[in-house]
């Protein structure tokens, strides 16, 4: 399994890095991450934007799939469903816990729960990742 620091280096120059996302723990069946709720990630009223929740969760599931791939494989998201439940305010930190519901040969299904700094549930995201064979 790739080292968490190596995975973070991959993410840093991409959208997750731009958002400020940090990986906390990476295992084959569970990925934890954190994100500071900055004004650039908010909607009016200083509340984290729904798209920021979705991008955060999508990245956690992609990382979970990535660490389960074998050489010559890649992944892409095929389906994502988000349920917004609570809010996270600007200047706070959200925590995402992504768990594998299914780790198959051709697809993987992940569920991410995102919590605000008070520990209250803000969103639940379920998504399917397709496992792709890289053609040379």
N, C-alpha and C. Protein backbone atom coordinates (compact mmCIF):
# COMPACT_ATOMS: atom_id res chain seq x y z
N UNK A 1 0.85 -1.18 0.00
CA UNK A 1 0.00 0.00 0.00
C UNK A 1 0.89 1.24 0.00
N UNK A 2 0.53 2.23 -0.83
CA UNK A 2 1.31 3.48 -0.85
C UNK A 2 1.28 4.19 0.51
N UNK A 3 2.36 4.88 0.81
CA UNK A 3 2.49 5.64 2.05
C UNK A 3 1.56 6.87 2.00
N UNK A 4 0.99 7.25 3.14
CA UNK A 4 0.07 8.38 3.21
C UNK A 4 0.73 9.68 2.72
N UNK A 5 2.00 9.87 3.02
CA UNK A 5 2.72 11.08 2.58
C UNK A 5 2.84 11.10 1.06
N UNK A 6 3.07 9.94 0.44
CA UNK A 6 3.17 9.87 -1.02
C UNK A 6 1.82 10.17 -1.67
N UNK A 7 0.75 9.69 -1.07
CA UNK A 7 -0.59 9.97 -1.61
C UNK A 7 -0.90 11.46 -1.47
N UNK A 8 -0.56 12.05 -0.34
CA UNK A 8 -0.79 13.48 -0.12
C UNK A 8 -0.03 14.30 -1.17
N UNK A 9 1.19 13.88 -1.52
CA UNK A 9 1.97 14.58 -2.54
C UNK A 9 1.28 14.55 -3.90
N UNK A 10 0.57 13.46 -4.19
CA UNK A 10 -0.19 13.36 -5.45
C UNK A 10 -1.35 14.35 -5.42
N UNK A 11 -2.01 14.47 -4.28
CA UNK A 11 -3.20 15.32 -4.15
C UNK A 11 -2.88 16.81 -4.10
N UNK A 12 -1.75 17.17 -3.52
CA UNK A 12 -1.45 18.58 -3.27
C UNK A 12 -1.54 19.50 -4.48
N UNK A 13 -1.04 19.14 -5.67
CA UNK A 13 -1.15 20.07 -6.80
C UNK A 13 -2.51 20.02 -7.51
N UNK A 14 -3.40 19.18 -7.05
CA UNK A 14 -4.71 19.00 -7.68
C UNK A 14 -5.81 19.68 -6.86
N UNK A 15 -7.05 19.55 -7.26
CA UNK A 15 -8.18 20.18 -6.57
C UNK A 15 -8.17 19.90 -5.05
N UNK A 16 -7.96 18.67 -4.61
CA UNK A 16 -7.94 18.45 -3.15
C UNK A 16 -6.90 19.30 -2.43
N UNK A 17 -5.74 19.47 -3.05
CA UNK A 17 -4.71 20.32 -2.45
C UNK A 17 -5.12 21.78 -2.45
N UNK A 18 -5.74 22.22 -3.54
CA UNK A 18 -6.25 23.60 -3.62
C UNK A 18 -7.27 23.86 -2.52
N UNK A 19 -8.08 22.84 -2.24
CA UNK A 19 -9.10 22.96 -1.19
C UNK A 19 -8.48 22.94 0.20
N UNK A 20 -7.26 22.39 0.31
CA UNK A 20 -6.60 22.29 1.61
C UNK A 20 -6.85 20.97 2.32
N UNK A 21 -7.30 19.99 1.57
CA UNK A 21 -7.60 18.68 2.15
C UNK A 21 -6.34 17.98 2.65
N UNK A 22 -6.45 17.36 3.82
CA UNK A 22 -5.33 16.62 4.41
C UNK A 22 -5.79 15.22 4.77
N UNK A 23 -5.02 14.23 4.34
CA UNK A 23 -5.29 12.85 4.72
C UNK A 23 -4.79 12.63 6.14
N UNK A 24 -5.57 11.93 6.94
CA UNK A 24 -5.21 11.65 8.33
C UNK A 24 -4.84 10.18 8.49
N UNK A 25 -5.59 9.31 7.81
CA UNK A 25 -5.37 7.87 7.92
C UNK A 25 -5.82 7.23 6.62
N UNK A 26 -5.03 6.28 6.13
CA UNK A 26 -5.39 5.55 4.91
C UNK A 26 -5.18 4.06 5.15
N UNK A 27 -6.27 3.32 5.05
CA UNK A 27 -6.24 1.86 5.14
C UNK A 27 -7.01 1.32 3.93
N UNK A 28 -6.93 0.04 3.70
CA UNK A 28 -7.60 -0.54 2.54
C UNK A 28 -9.12 -0.48 2.62
N UNK A 29 -9.67 -0.36 3.83
CA UNK A 29 -11.13 -0.32 3.98
C UNK A 29 -11.64 0.97 4.64
N UNK A 30 -10.73 1.92 4.93
CA UNK A 30 -11.13 3.14 5.63
C UNK A 30 -10.14 4.26 5.35
N UNK A 31 -10.68 5.44 5.05
CA UNK A 31 -9.84 6.62 4.80
C UNK A 31 -10.41 7.77 5.62
N UNK A 32 -9.53 8.48 6.35
CA UNK A 32 -9.93 9.64 7.12
C UNK A 32 -9.23 10.87 6.57
N UNK A 33 -9.97 11.98 6.50
CA UNK A 33 -9.39 13.23 6.04
C UNK A 33 -9.97 14.41 6.78
N UNK A 34 -9.29 15.56 6.67
CA UNK A 34 -9.74 16.80 7.29
C UNK A 34 -9.67 17.93 6.28
N UNK A 35 -10.51 18.92 6.53
CA UNK A 35 -10.55 20.07 5.65
C UNK A 35 -10.95 21.30 6.45
N UNK A 36 -10.14 22.35 6.35
CA UNK A 36 -10.46 23.63 6.98
C UNK A 36 -11.51 24.33 6.13
N UNK A 37 -12.59 24.79 6.76
CA UNK A 37 -13.66 25.49 6.03
C UNK A 37 -13.24 26.95 5.87
N UNK A 38 -12.69 27.25 4.69
CA UNK A 38 -12.23 28.60 4.36
C UNK A 38 -13.33 29.34 3.60
N UNK A 39 -13.29 30.65 3.56
CA UNK A 39 -14.32 31.42 2.85
C UNK A 39 -14.48 31.00 1.38
N UNK A 40 -13.37 30.60 0.74
CA UNK A 40 -13.43 30.20 -0.67
C UNK A 40 -14.22 28.91 -0.88
N UNK A 41 -14.47 28.16 0.18
CA UNK A 41 -15.19 26.90 0.10
C UNK A 41 -16.64 27.04 0.56
N UNK A 42 -17.08 28.29 0.75
CA UNK A 42 -18.40 28.53 1.34
C UNK A 42 -19.38 29.14 0.35
N UNK A 43 -20.63 29.06 0.74
CA UNK A 43 -21.71 29.77 0.08
C UNK A 43 -22.02 31.00 0.93
N UNK A 44 -23.08 31.73 0.58
CA UNK A 44 -23.42 32.90 1.38
C UNK A 44 -23.70 32.50 2.83
N UNK A 45 -23.41 33.38 3.73
CA UNK A 45 -23.62 33.09 5.14
C UNK A 45 -22.47 32.36 5.79
N UNK A 46 -21.37 32.13 5.04
CA UNK A 46 -20.22 31.48 5.64
C UNK A 46 -20.42 30.02 5.96
N UNK A 47 -21.21 29.32 5.14
CA UNK A 47 -21.49 27.89 5.33
C UNK A 47 -20.82 27.10 4.20
N UNK A 48 -20.20 25.99 4.53
CA UNK A 48 -19.51 25.18 3.52
C UNK A 48 -20.44 24.82 2.37
N UNK A 49 -19.97 25.04 1.16
CA UNK A 49 -20.71 24.80 -0.07
C UNK A 49 -20.91 23.30 -0.30
N UNK A 50 -22.06 22.92 -0.82
CA UNK A 50 -22.34 21.52 -1.10
C UNK A 50 -21.32 20.88 -2.02
N UNK A 51 -20.85 21.63 -3.00
CA UNK A 51 -19.84 21.09 -3.91
C UNK A 51 -18.53 20.79 -3.21
N UNK A 52 -18.21 21.54 -2.17
CA UNK A 52 -16.99 21.28 -1.40
C UNK A 52 -17.13 19.97 -0.62
N UNK A 53 -18.32 19.73 -0.05
CA UNK A 53 -18.56 18.44 0.61
C UNK A 53 -18.36 17.30 -0.37
N UNK A 54 -18.96 17.46 -1.57
CA UNK A 54 -18.91 16.40 -2.56
C UNK A 54 -17.50 16.14 -3.06
N UNK A 55 -16.73 17.20 -3.31
CA UNK A 55 -15.35 17.03 -3.78
C UNK A 55 -14.48 16.37 -2.70
N UNK A 56 -14.71 16.75 -1.46
CA UNK A 56 -13.98 16.17 -0.32
C UNK A 56 -14.26 14.67 -0.25
N UNK A 57 -15.53 14.30 -0.27
CA UNK A 57 -15.92 12.89 -0.18
C UNK A 57 -15.43 12.10 -1.39
N UNK A 58 -15.54 12.69 -2.58
CA UNK A 58 -15.11 12.01 -3.80
C UNK A 58 -13.63 11.68 -3.72
N UNK A 59 -12.84 12.58 -3.19
CA UNK A 59 -11.41 12.35 -3.08
C UNK A 59 -11.11 11.24 -2.08
N UNK A 60 -11.81 11.24 -0.94
CA UNK A 60 -11.57 10.19 0.05
C UNK A 60 -11.87 8.81 -0.54
N UNK A 61 -12.96 8.68 -1.28
CA UNK A 61 -13.31 7.39 -1.89
C UNK A 61 -12.33 7.01 -3.00
N UNK A 62 -11.89 7.99 -3.75
CA UNK A 62 -10.89 7.71 -4.79
C UNK A 62 -9.59 7.22 -4.18
N UNK A 63 -9.18 7.82 -3.07
CA UNK A 63 -7.98 7.38 -2.37
C UNK A 63 -8.17 5.95 -1.87
N UNK A 64 -9.33 5.67 -1.29
CA UNK A 64 -9.61 4.31 -0.82
C UNK A 64 -9.52 3.29 -1.94
N UNK A 65 -10.06 3.64 -3.08
CA UNK A 65 -9.97 2.73 -4.23
C UNK A 65 -8.53 2.61 -4.70
N UNK A 66 -7.85 3.74 -4.81
CA UNK A 66 -6.46 3.77 -5.28
C UNK A 66 -5.57 2.80 -4.51
N UNK A 67 -5.70 2.77 -3.19
CA UNK A 67 -4.83 1.91 -2.40
C UNK A 67 -5.19 0.43 -2.53
N UNK A 68 -6.33 0.15 -3.15
CA UNK A 68 -6.74 -1.24 -3.38
C UNK A 68 -6.43 -1.71 -4.80
N UNK A 69 -5.93 -0.83 -5.65
CA UNK A 69 -5.64 -1.20 -7.03
C UNK A 69 -4.35 -2.00 -7.14
N UNK A 70 -4.27 -2.78 -8.21
CA UNK A 70 -3.04 -3.49 -8.53
C UNK A 70 -2.33 -2.71 -9.64
N UNK A 71 -1.05 -2.97 -9.85
CA UNK A 71 -0.34 -2.26 -10.92
C UNK A 71 -1.07 -2.42 -12.26
N UNK A 72 -1.13 -1.33 -13.02
CA UNK A 72 -1.82 -1.35 -14.31
C UNK A 72 -3.30 -1.00 -14.22
N UNK A 73 -3.76 -0.61 -13.03
CA UNK A 73 -5.15 -0.22 -12.86
C UNK A 73 -5.26 1.25 -12.48
N UNK A 74 -6.42 1.82 -12.79
CA UNK A 74 -6.76 3.19 -12.43
C UNK A 74 -8.22 3.19 -12.00
N UNK A 75 -8.75 4.36 -11.64
CA UNK A 75 -10.13 4.43 -11.19
C UNK A 75 -10.79 5.73 -11.61
N UNK A 76 -12.10 5.71 -11.68
CA UNK A 76 -12.89 6.92 -11.91
C UNK A 76 -14.24 6.74 -11.21
N UNK A 77 -14.82 7.85 -10.81
CA UNK A 77 -16.13 7.81 -10.16
C UNK A 77 -17.22 7.64 -11.23
N UNK A 78 -18.15 6.71 -10.98
CA UNK A 78 -19.26 6.53 -11.92
C UNK A 78 -20.58 7.01 -11.36
N UNK A 79 -20.70 7.09 -10.05
CA UNK A 79 -21.96 7.47 -9.44
C UNK A 79 -21.70 8.05 -8.07
N UNK A 80 -22.46 9.10 -7.72
CA UNK A 80 -22.30 9.71 -6.41
C UNK A 80 -23.65 10.26 -5.95
N UNK A 81 -23.97 10.03 -4.69
CA UNK A 81 -25.23 10.52 -4.12
C UNK A 81 -24.92 11.17 -2.78
N UNK A 82 -25.36 12.42 -2.64
CA UNK A 82 -25.06 13.17 -1.42
C UNK A 82 -26.35 13.53 -0.68
N UNK A 83 -26.34 13.32 0.61
CA UNK A 83 -27.44 13.73 1.49
C UNK A 83 -26.87 14.78 2.43
N UNK A 84 -27.39 16.01 2.32
CA UNK A 84 -26.94 17.10 3.20
C UNK A 84 -27.81 17.10 4.45
N UNK A 85 -27.15 17.11 5.61
CA UNK A 85 -27.86 16.95 6.87
C UNK A 85 -27.64 18.14 7.79
N UNK A 86 -26.42 18.64 7.85
CA UNK A 86 -26.09 19.73 8.75
C UNK A 86 -25.19 20.74 8.07
N UNK A 87 -24.58 21.61 8.87
CA UNK A 87 -23.73 22.65 8.29
C UNK A 87 -22.40 22.74 9.02
N UNK A 88 -21.44 23.28 8.28
CA UNK A 88 -20.12 23.57 8.85
C UNK A 88 -19.83 25.03 8.55
N UNK A 89 -19.42 25.76 9.57
CA UNK A 89 -19.20 27.21 9.44
C UNK A 89 -17.76 27.52 9.06
N UNK A 90 -17.61 28.64 8.37
CA UNK A 90 -16.29 29.12 8.00
C UNK A 90 -15.43 29.26 9.26
N UNK A 91 -14.15 28.92 9.13
CA UNK A 91 -13.24 29.01 10.26
C UNK A 91 -13.19 27.76 11.11
N UNK A 92 -13.98 26.74 10.75
CA UNK A 92 -13.96 25.48 11.49
C UNK A 92 -13.33 24.41 10.61
N UNK A 93 -13.28 23.22 11.11
CA UNK A 93 -12.70 22.09 10.38
C UNK A 93 -13.73 20.97 10.28
N UNK A 94 -13.80 20.35 9.10
CA UNK A 94 -14.64 19.16 8.95
C UNK A 94 -13.74 17.93 8.88
N UNK A 95 -14.33 16.82 9.28
CA UNK A 95 -13.63 15.53 9.26
C UNK A 95 -14.46 14.56 8.43
N UNK A 96 -13.81 13.86 7.54
CA UNK A 96 -14.50 12.88 6.72
C UNK A 96 -14.01 11.48 7.02
N UNK A 97 -14.97 10.56 7.19
CA UNK A 97 -14.63 9.15 7.39
C UNK A 97 -15.27 8.37 6.25
N UNK A 98 -14.45 7.74 5.46
CA UNK A 98 -14.89 7.02 4.27
C UNK A 98 -14.64 5.52 4.49
N UNK A 99 -15.71 4.73 4.38
CA UNK A 99 -15.57 3.29 4.61
C UNK A 99 -16.00 2.53 3.36
N UNK A 100 -15.33 1.41 3.13
CA UNK A 100 -15.66 0.56 1.98
C UNK A 100 -16.91 -0.25 2.30
N UNK A 101 -17.89 -0.17 1.39
CA UNK A 101 -19.07 -1.02 1.49
C UNK A 101 -18.91 -2.25 0.61
N UNK A 102 -18.12 -2.10 -0.47
CA UNK A 102 -17.87 -3.18 -1.42
C UNK A 102 -16.54 -2.91 -2.10
N UNK A 103 -15.66 -3.90 -2.10
CA UNK A 103 -14.37 -3.80 -2.81
C UNK A 103 -14.28 -4.96 -3.77
N UNK A 104 -14.85 -4.75 -4.96
CA UNK A 104 -14.88 -5.82 -5.95
C UNK A 104 -13.78 -5.69 -6.98
N UNK A 105 -13.82 -6.60 -7.95
CA UNK A 105 -12.82 -6.64 -9.01
C UNK A 105 -12.99 -5.50 -10.00
N UNK A 106 -14.25 -5.10 -10.27
CA UNK A 106 -14.51 -4.06 -11.27
C UNK A 106 -15.11 -2.79 -10.70
N UNK A 107 -15.68 -2.86 -9.52
CA UNK A 107 -16.22 -1.66 -8.87
C UNK A 107 -15.94 -1.71 -7.38
N UNK A 108 -15.91 -0.51 -6.80
CA UNK A 108 -15.82 -0.38 -5.34
C UNK A 108 -16.84 0.66 -4.92
N UNK A 109 -17.52 0.41 -3.82
CA UNK A 109 -18.54 1.33 -3.31
C UNK A 109 -18.09 1.82 -1.93
N UNK A 110 -18.15 3.13 -1.77
CA UNK A 110 -17.67 3.77 -0.54
C UNK A 110 -18.75 4.69 0.02
N UNK A 111 -18.77 4.81 1.34
CA UNK A 111 -19.68 5.76 2.00
C UNK A 111 -18.85 6.68 2.89
N UNK A 112 -19.04 7.98 2.67
CA UNK A 112 -18.31 8.97 3.45
C UNK A 112 -19.28 9.74 4.34
N UNK A 113 -18.97 9.81 5.62
CA UNK A 113 -19.70 10.64 6.57
C UNK A 113 -18.82 11.83 6.90
N UNK A 114 -19.39 13.03 6.78
CA UNK A 114 -18.63 14.25 7.05
C UNK A 114 -19.22 14.93 8.28
N UNK A 115 -18.34 15.22 9.25
CA UNK A 115 -18.75 15.78 10.54
C UNK A 115 -18.15 17.17 10.71
N UNK A 116 -18.92 18.06 11.36
CA UNK A 116 -18.39 19.40 11.64
C UNK A 116 -17.53 19.35 12.91
N UNK A 117 -17.01 20.50 13.31
CA UNK A 117 -16.09 20.55 14.45
C UNK A 117 -16.78 20.21 15.78
N UNK A 118 -18.12 20.25 15.79
CA UNK A 118 -18.87 19.86 16.99
C UNK A 118 -19.19 18.37 16.98
N UNK A 119 -18.74 17.66 15.94
CA UNK A 119 -19.01 16.22 15.84
C UNK A 119 -20.36 15.90 15.25
N UNK A 120 -21.07 16.91 14.75
CA UNK A 120 -22.40 16.68 14.18
C UNK A 120 -22.27 16.32 12.70
N UNK A 121 -23.12 15.39 12.28
CA UNK A 121 -23.11 14.93 10.91
C UNK A 121 -23.59 16.03 9.96
N UNK A 122 -22.80 16.32 8.93
CA UNK A 122 -23.15 17.35 7.93
C UNK A 122 -23.62 16.75 6.62
N UNK A 123 -23.01 15.65 6.20
CA UNK A 123 -23.35 15.05 4.92
C UNK A 123 -22.95 13.58 4.91
N UNK A 124 -23.69 12.81 4.10
CA UNK A 124 -23.35 11.42 3.84
C UNK A 124 -23.31 11.27 2.32
N UNK A 125 -22.19 10.75 1.83
CA UNK A 125 -21.99 10.60 0.40
C UNK A 125 -21.70 9.14 0.10
N UNK A 126 -22.49 8.55 -0.79
CA UNK A 126 -22.23 7.19 -1.27
C UNK A 126 -21.80 7.28 -2.72
N UNK A 127 -20.75 6.55 -3.07
CA UNK A 127 -20.31 6.60 -4.45
C UNK A 127 -19.71 5.29 -4.91
N UNK A 128 -19.75 5.12 -6.22
CA UNK A 128 -19.20 3.94 -6.87
C UNK A 128 -17.98 4.36 -7.68
N UNK A 129 -16.90 3.61 -7.50
CA UNK A 129 -15.67 3.81 -8.26
C UNK A 129 -15.51 2.63 -9.22
N UNK A 130 -15.27 2.93 -10.48
CA UNK A 130 -15.00 1.91 -11.48
C UNK A 130 -13.51 1.63 -11.49
N UNK A 131 -13.15 0.36 -11.51
CA UNK A 131 -11.75 -0.05 -11.61
C UNK A 131 -11.44 -0.23 -13.09
N UNK A 132 -10.45 0.52 -13.58
CA UNK A 132 -10.09 0.52 -15.00
C UNK A 132 -8.75 -0.15 -15.21
N UNK A 133 -8.64 -0.90 -16.30
CA UNK A 133 -7.36 -1.44 -16.73
C UNK A 133 -6.71 -0.43 -17.64
N UNK A 134 -5.48 -0.04 -17.34
CA UNK A 134 -4.77 0.95 -18.15
C UNK A 134 -4.24 0.25 -19.39
N UNK A 135 -4.63 0.77 -20.55
CA UNK A 135 -4.15 0.22 -21.83
C UNK A 135 -2.83 0.88 -22.18
N UNK A 136 -1.85 0.08 -22.60
CA UNK A 136 -0.56 0.68 -22.96
C UNK A 136 -0.47 1.01 -24.43
